Every structure is written in structure tokens, then in C-alpha cells.
Amino acid sequence: MRSTKAISITLSPDLNEEIWKIARTERKSISDILREALRQYAANRAVSEVRKQLRKTLRNNLRGRKIGPDDVENLLDEKRT
């Protein structure tokens, strides 16, 4: 049984040309380029989710207070533990 899954996607001519250009320049396959792009997309989504949770925490914990860099750093330390 295969450990990978083949998919089909549709690209605009401009994007298709750009991907092929990148693949040639970096001497990688189109699959490698797209896998890397998808990994980066997923990582960016994860970072965005952490930021969203941090903003929510800051709003809930600091409502009505003026905050400074030390306050933010302390909250980050609390969340890390």
C-alpha cells in the first residue's frame, strides 16, 4: 500500500509557470515545491492560531489595564509553563 496520496489541482497559467520556474531553479520536482508550500501554509496557520489565542488571553486578563512589554512577557511565561 502506498504511503503517499496523489491529488490533482488546477492552476492558473501564471502560477503554473512560476512553479515550474522555481522547480527548475531549485532543481526540485513540482511535488517537492508544492509539498514545501503546503507545509509552510500549515505552519503559518498554526502560528496564527497561537497569536489568536494570545490576543484572547490578553483581552481577558488585562481588560481595563494599561499594559507594557513586561506584562506581555509575564503572560507569555505563564502560558509556557
N, C-alpha and C. Protein backbone atom coordinates (compact mmCIF):
# COMPACT_ATOMS: atom_id res chain seq x y z
N MET A 1 0.83 -1.18 0.00
CA MET A 1 0.00 0.00 0.00
C MET A 1 0.88 1.25 0.00
N ARG A 2 0.49 2.26 -0.76
CA ARG A 2 1.28 3.49 -0.86
C ARG A 2 1.21 4.30 0.42
N SER A 3 2.33 4.93 0.75
CA SER A 3 2.35 5.80 1.92
C SER A 3 2.09 7.25 1.54
N THR A 4 1.86 7.49 0.26
CA THR A 4 1.54 8.83 -0.21
C THR A 4 0.22 8.79 -0.96
N LYS A 5 -0.35 9.96 -1.18
CA LYS A 5 -1.62 10.08 -1.89
C LYS A 5 -1.45 11.07 -3.02
N ALA A 6 -1.80 10.66 -4.22
CA ALA A 6 -1.74 11.55 -5.38
C ALA A 6 -3.01 12.38 -5.44
N ILE A 7 -2.84 13.67 -5.75
CA ILE A 7 -4.00 14.55 -5.90
C ILE A 7 -3.86 15.32 -7.21
N SER A 8 -4.93 15.91 -7.62
CA SER A 8 -4.93 16.72 -8.83
C SER A 8 -5.37 18.13 -8.46
N ILE A 9 -4.64 19.14 -8.97
CA ILE A 9 -5.03 20.52 -8.71
C ILE A 9 -5.05 21.29 -10.03
N THR A 10 -5.76 22.40 -10.03
CA THR A 10 -5.84 23.27 -11.18
C THR A 10 -5.15 24.59 -10.84
N LEU A 11 -4.27 25.03 -11.72
CA LEU A 11 -3.52 26.27 -11.51
C LEU A 11 -3.74 27.22 -12.67
N SER A 12 -3.67 28.50 -12.38
CA SER A 12 -3.71 29.49 -13.46
C SER A 12 -2.40 29.35 -14.25
N PRO A 13 -2.41 29.75 -15.50
CA PRO A 13 -1.18 29.66 -16.30
C PRO A 13 0.00 30.40 -15.65
N ASP A 14 -0.26 31.55 -15.06
CA ASP A 14 0.83 32.32 -14.42
C ASP A 14 1.43 31.56 -13.24
N LEU A 15 0.58 31.00 -12.40
CA LEU A 15 1.08 30.26 -11.24
C LEU A 15 1.80 28.99 -11.68
N ASN A 16 1.26 28.32 -12.67
CA ASN A 16 1.90 27.12 -13.20
C ASN A 16 3.31 27.45 -13.70
N GLU A 17 3.43 28.53 -14.45
CA GLU A 17 4.73 28.95 -14.98
C GLU A 17 5.69 29.28 -13.84
N GLU A 18 5.20 29.97 -12.82
CA GLU A 18 6.04 30.34 -11.68
C GLU A 18 6.54 29.10 -10.93
N ILE A 19 5.68 28.13 -10.73
CA ILE A 19 6.07 26.91 -10.03
C ILE A 19 7.13 26.15 -10.83
N TRP A 20 6.93 26.04 -12.13
CA TRP A 20 7.92 25.36 -12.97
C TRP A 20 9.26 26.09 -12.94
N LYS A 21 9.22 27.42 -12.95
CA LYS A 21 10.45 28.22 -12.90
C LYS A 21 11.19 27.96 -11.58
N ILE A 22 10.45 27.94 -10.48
CA ILE A 22 11.05 27.66 -9.17
C ILE A 22 11.65 26.26 -9.16
N ALA A 23 10.90 25.29 -9.68
CA ALA A 23 11.37 23.90 -9.68
C ALA A 23 12.68 23.77 -10.48
N ARG A 24 12.73 24.42 -11.64
CA ARG A 24 13.95 24.36 -12.44
C ARG A 24 15.12 25.03 -11.72
N THR A 25 14.88 26.21 -11.17
CA THR A 25 15.93 26.96 -10.48
C THR A 25 16.47 26.19 -9.28
N GLU A 26 15.58 25.59 -8.51
CA GLU A 26 15.99 24.88 -7.29
C GLU A 26 16.29 23.40 -7.53
N ARG A 27 16.10 22.97 -8.79
CA ARG A 27 16.34 21.56 -9.15
C ARG A 27 15.55 20.61 -8.25
N LYS A 28 14.26 20.94 -8.12
CA LYS A 28 13.33 20.13 -7.34
C LYS A 28 12.16 19.75 -8.22
N SER A 29 11.44 18.75 -7.78
CA SER A 29 10.23 18.36 -8.52
C SER A 29 9.08 19.31 -8.15
N ILE A 30 8.09 19.34 -9.01
CA ILE A 30 6.89 20.12 -8.73
C ILE A 30 6.26 19.63 -7.42
N SER A 31 6.24 18.33 -7.22
CA SER A 31 5.69 17.77 -5.98
C SER A 31 6.44 18.29 -4.76
N ASP A 32 7.77 18.34 -4.84
CA ASP A 32 8.56 18.86 -3.73
C ASP A 32 8.22 20.32 -3.43
N ILE A 33 8.10 21.11 -4.48
CA ILE A 33 7.77 22.53 -4.32
C ILE A 33 6.40 22.68 -3.65
N LEU A 34 5.42 21.95 -4.13
CA LEU A 34 4.06 22.06 -3.58
C LEU A 34 3.98 21.51 -2.16
N ARG A 35 4.68 20.41 -1.88
CA ARG A 35 4.70 19.88 -0.51
C ARG A 35 5.27 20.92 0.46
N GLU A 36 6.38 21.54 0.06
CA GLU A 36 7.00 22.55 0.91
C GLU A 36 6.06 23.74 1.12
N ALA A 37 5.39 24.17 0.07
CA ALA A 37 4.45 25.29 0.18
C ALA A 37 3.30 24.94 1.13
N LEU A 38 2.80 23.73 1.03
CA LEU A 38 1.71 23.31 1.92
C LEU A 38 2.17 23.19 3.37
N ARG A 39 3.38 22.71 3.58
CA ARG A 39 3.92 22.64 4.95
C ARG A 39 4.03 24.04 5.54
N GLN A 40 4.52 24.99 4.75
CA GLN A 40 4.64 26.36 5.22
C GLN A 40 3.26 26.96 5.51
N TYR A 41 2.30 26.67 4.65
CA TYR A 41 0.94 27.16 4.87
C TYR A 41 0.39 26.63 6.19
N ALA A 42 0.57 25.34 6.44
CA ALA A 42 0.08 24.73 7.68
C ALA A 42 0.79 25.33 8.89
N ALA A 43 2.09 25.57 8.79
CA ALA A 43 2.83 26.17 9.90
C ALA A 43 2.35 27.60 10.16
N ASN A 44 2.09 28.35 9.11
CA ASN A 44 1.59 29.72 9.27
C ASN A 44 0.22 29.72 9.94
N ARG A 45 -0.62 28.75 9.59
CA ARG A 45 -1.94 28.64 10.25
C ARG A 45 -1.78 28.34 11.73
N ALA A 46 -0.83 27.48 12.08
CA ALA A 46 -0.60 27.15 13.48
C ALA A 46 -0.13 28.39 14.25
N VAL A 47 0.77 29.16 13.67
CA VAL A 47 1.25 30.38 14.31
C VAL A 47 0.09 31.37 14.47
N SER A 48 -0.74 31.49 13.45
CA SER A 48 -1.90 32.39 13.53
C SER A 48 -2.83 31.99 14.66
N GLU A 49 -3.02 30.70 14.85
CA GLU A 49 -3.89 30.21 15.92
C GLU A 49 -3.31 30.55 17.29
N VAL A 50 -2.00 30.41 17.45
CA VAL A 50 -1.35 30.77 18.72
C VAL A 50 -1.52 32.26 18.97
N ARG A 51 -1.31 33.08 17.95
CA ARG A 51 -1.50 34.53 18.11
C ARG A 51 -2.93 34.87 18.50
N LYS A 52 -3.87 34.21 17.87
CA LYS A 52 -5.29 34.43 18.17
C LYS A 52 -5.58 34.10 19.64
N GLN A 53 -5.05 32.97 20.10
CA GLN A 53 -5.26 32.57 21.49
C GLN A 53 -4.58 33.56 22.45
N LEU A 54 -3.41 34.05 22.08
CA LEU A 54 -2.71 35.01 22.92
C LEU A 54 -3.50 36.31 23.01
N ARG A 55 -4.02 36.79 21.88
CA ARG A 55 -4.84 38.01 21.91
C ARG A 55 -6.05 37.83 22.82
N LYS A 56 -6.69 36.68 22.72
CA LYS A 56 -7.87 36.39 23.55
C LYS A 56 -7.48 36.39 25.03
N THR A 57 -6.35 35.76 25.34
CA THR A 57 -5.87 35.72 26.72
C THR A 57 -5.57 37.12 27.23
N LEU A 58 -4.90 37.91 26.40
CA LEU A 58 -4.57 39.28 26.80
C LEU A 58 -5.83 40.09 27.06
N ARG A 59 -6.81 39.96 26.17
CA ARG A 59 -8.07 40.70 26.36
C ARG A 59 -8.75 40.30 27.67
N ASN A 60 -8.78 39.00 27.94
CA ASN A 60 -9.46 38.51 29.14
C ASN A 60 -8.72 38.87 30.42
N ASN A 61 -7.40 38.81 30.40
CA ASN A 61 -6.62 39.03 31.61
C ASN A 61 -6.30 40.50 31.90
N LEU A 62 -6.32 41.31 30.87
CA LEU A 62 -5.87 42.69 31.04
C LEU A 62 -6.96 43.72 30.76
N ARG A 63 -8.19 43.28 30.77
CA ARG A 63 -9.30 44.19 30.47
C ARG A 63 -9.25 45.41 31.40
N GLY A 64 -9.18 46.59 30.80
CA GLY A 64 -9.20 47.83 31.56
C GLY A 64 -7.86 48.26 32.14
N ARG A 65 -6.82 47.47 31.95
CA ARG A 65 -5.49 47.82 32.47
C ARG A 65 -4.61 48.32 31.35
N LYS A 66 -3.74 49.23 31.67
CA LYS A 66 -2.70 49.61 30.72
C LYS A 66 -1.61 48.56 30.83
N ILE A 67 -1.10 48.13 29.69
CA ILE A 67 -0.08 47.09 29.72
C ILE A 67 1.19 47.57 29.05
N GLY A 68 2.28 46.98 29.48
CA GLY A 68 3.58 47.27 28.90
C GLY A 68 4.25 45.99 28.47
N PRO A 69 5.44 46.11 27.93
CA PRO A 69 6.16 44.91 27.46
C PRO A 69 6.37 43.86 28.55
N ASP A 70 6.62 44.31 29.79
CA ASP A 70 6.82 43.35 30.88
C ASP A 70 5.56 42.54 31.15
N ASP A 71 4.40 43.19 31.04
CA ASP A 71 3.14 42.47 31.26
C ASP A 71 2.95 41.38 30.21
N VAL A 72 3.23 41.70 28.98
CA VAL A 72 3.08 40.73 27.90
C VAL A 72 4.06 39.58 28.11
N GLU A 73 5.30 39.91 28.46
CA GLU A 73 6.30 38.88 28.69
C GLU A 73 5.90 37.96 29.84
N ASN A 74 5.36 38.53 30.91
CA ASN A 74 4.90 37.72 32.05
C ASN A 74 3.77 36.78 31.64
N LEU A 75 2.84 37.28 30.85
CA LEU A 75 1.74 36.42 30.39
C LEU A 75 2.26 35.30 29.50
N LEU A 76 3.21 35.61 28.64
CA LEU A 76 3.80 34.56 27.81
C LEU A 76 4.47 33.50 28.67
N ASP A 77 5.19 33.94 29.68
CA ASP A 77 5.85 32.99 30.59
C ASP A 77 4.82 32.10 31.28
N GLU A 78 3.70 32.68 31.70
CA GLU A 78 2.64 31.89 32.34
C GLU A 78 2.10 30.82 31.39
N LYS A 79 1.93 31.15 30.14
CA LYS A 79 1.38 30.22 29.16
C LYS A 79 2.37 29.13 28.80
N ARG A 80 3.66 29.44 28.89
CA ARG A 80 4.70 28.46 28.55
C ARG A 80 4.80 27.35 29.58
N THR A 81 4.41 27.64 30.81
CA THR A 81 4.55 26.63 31.89
C THR A 81 3.32 25.80 32.06
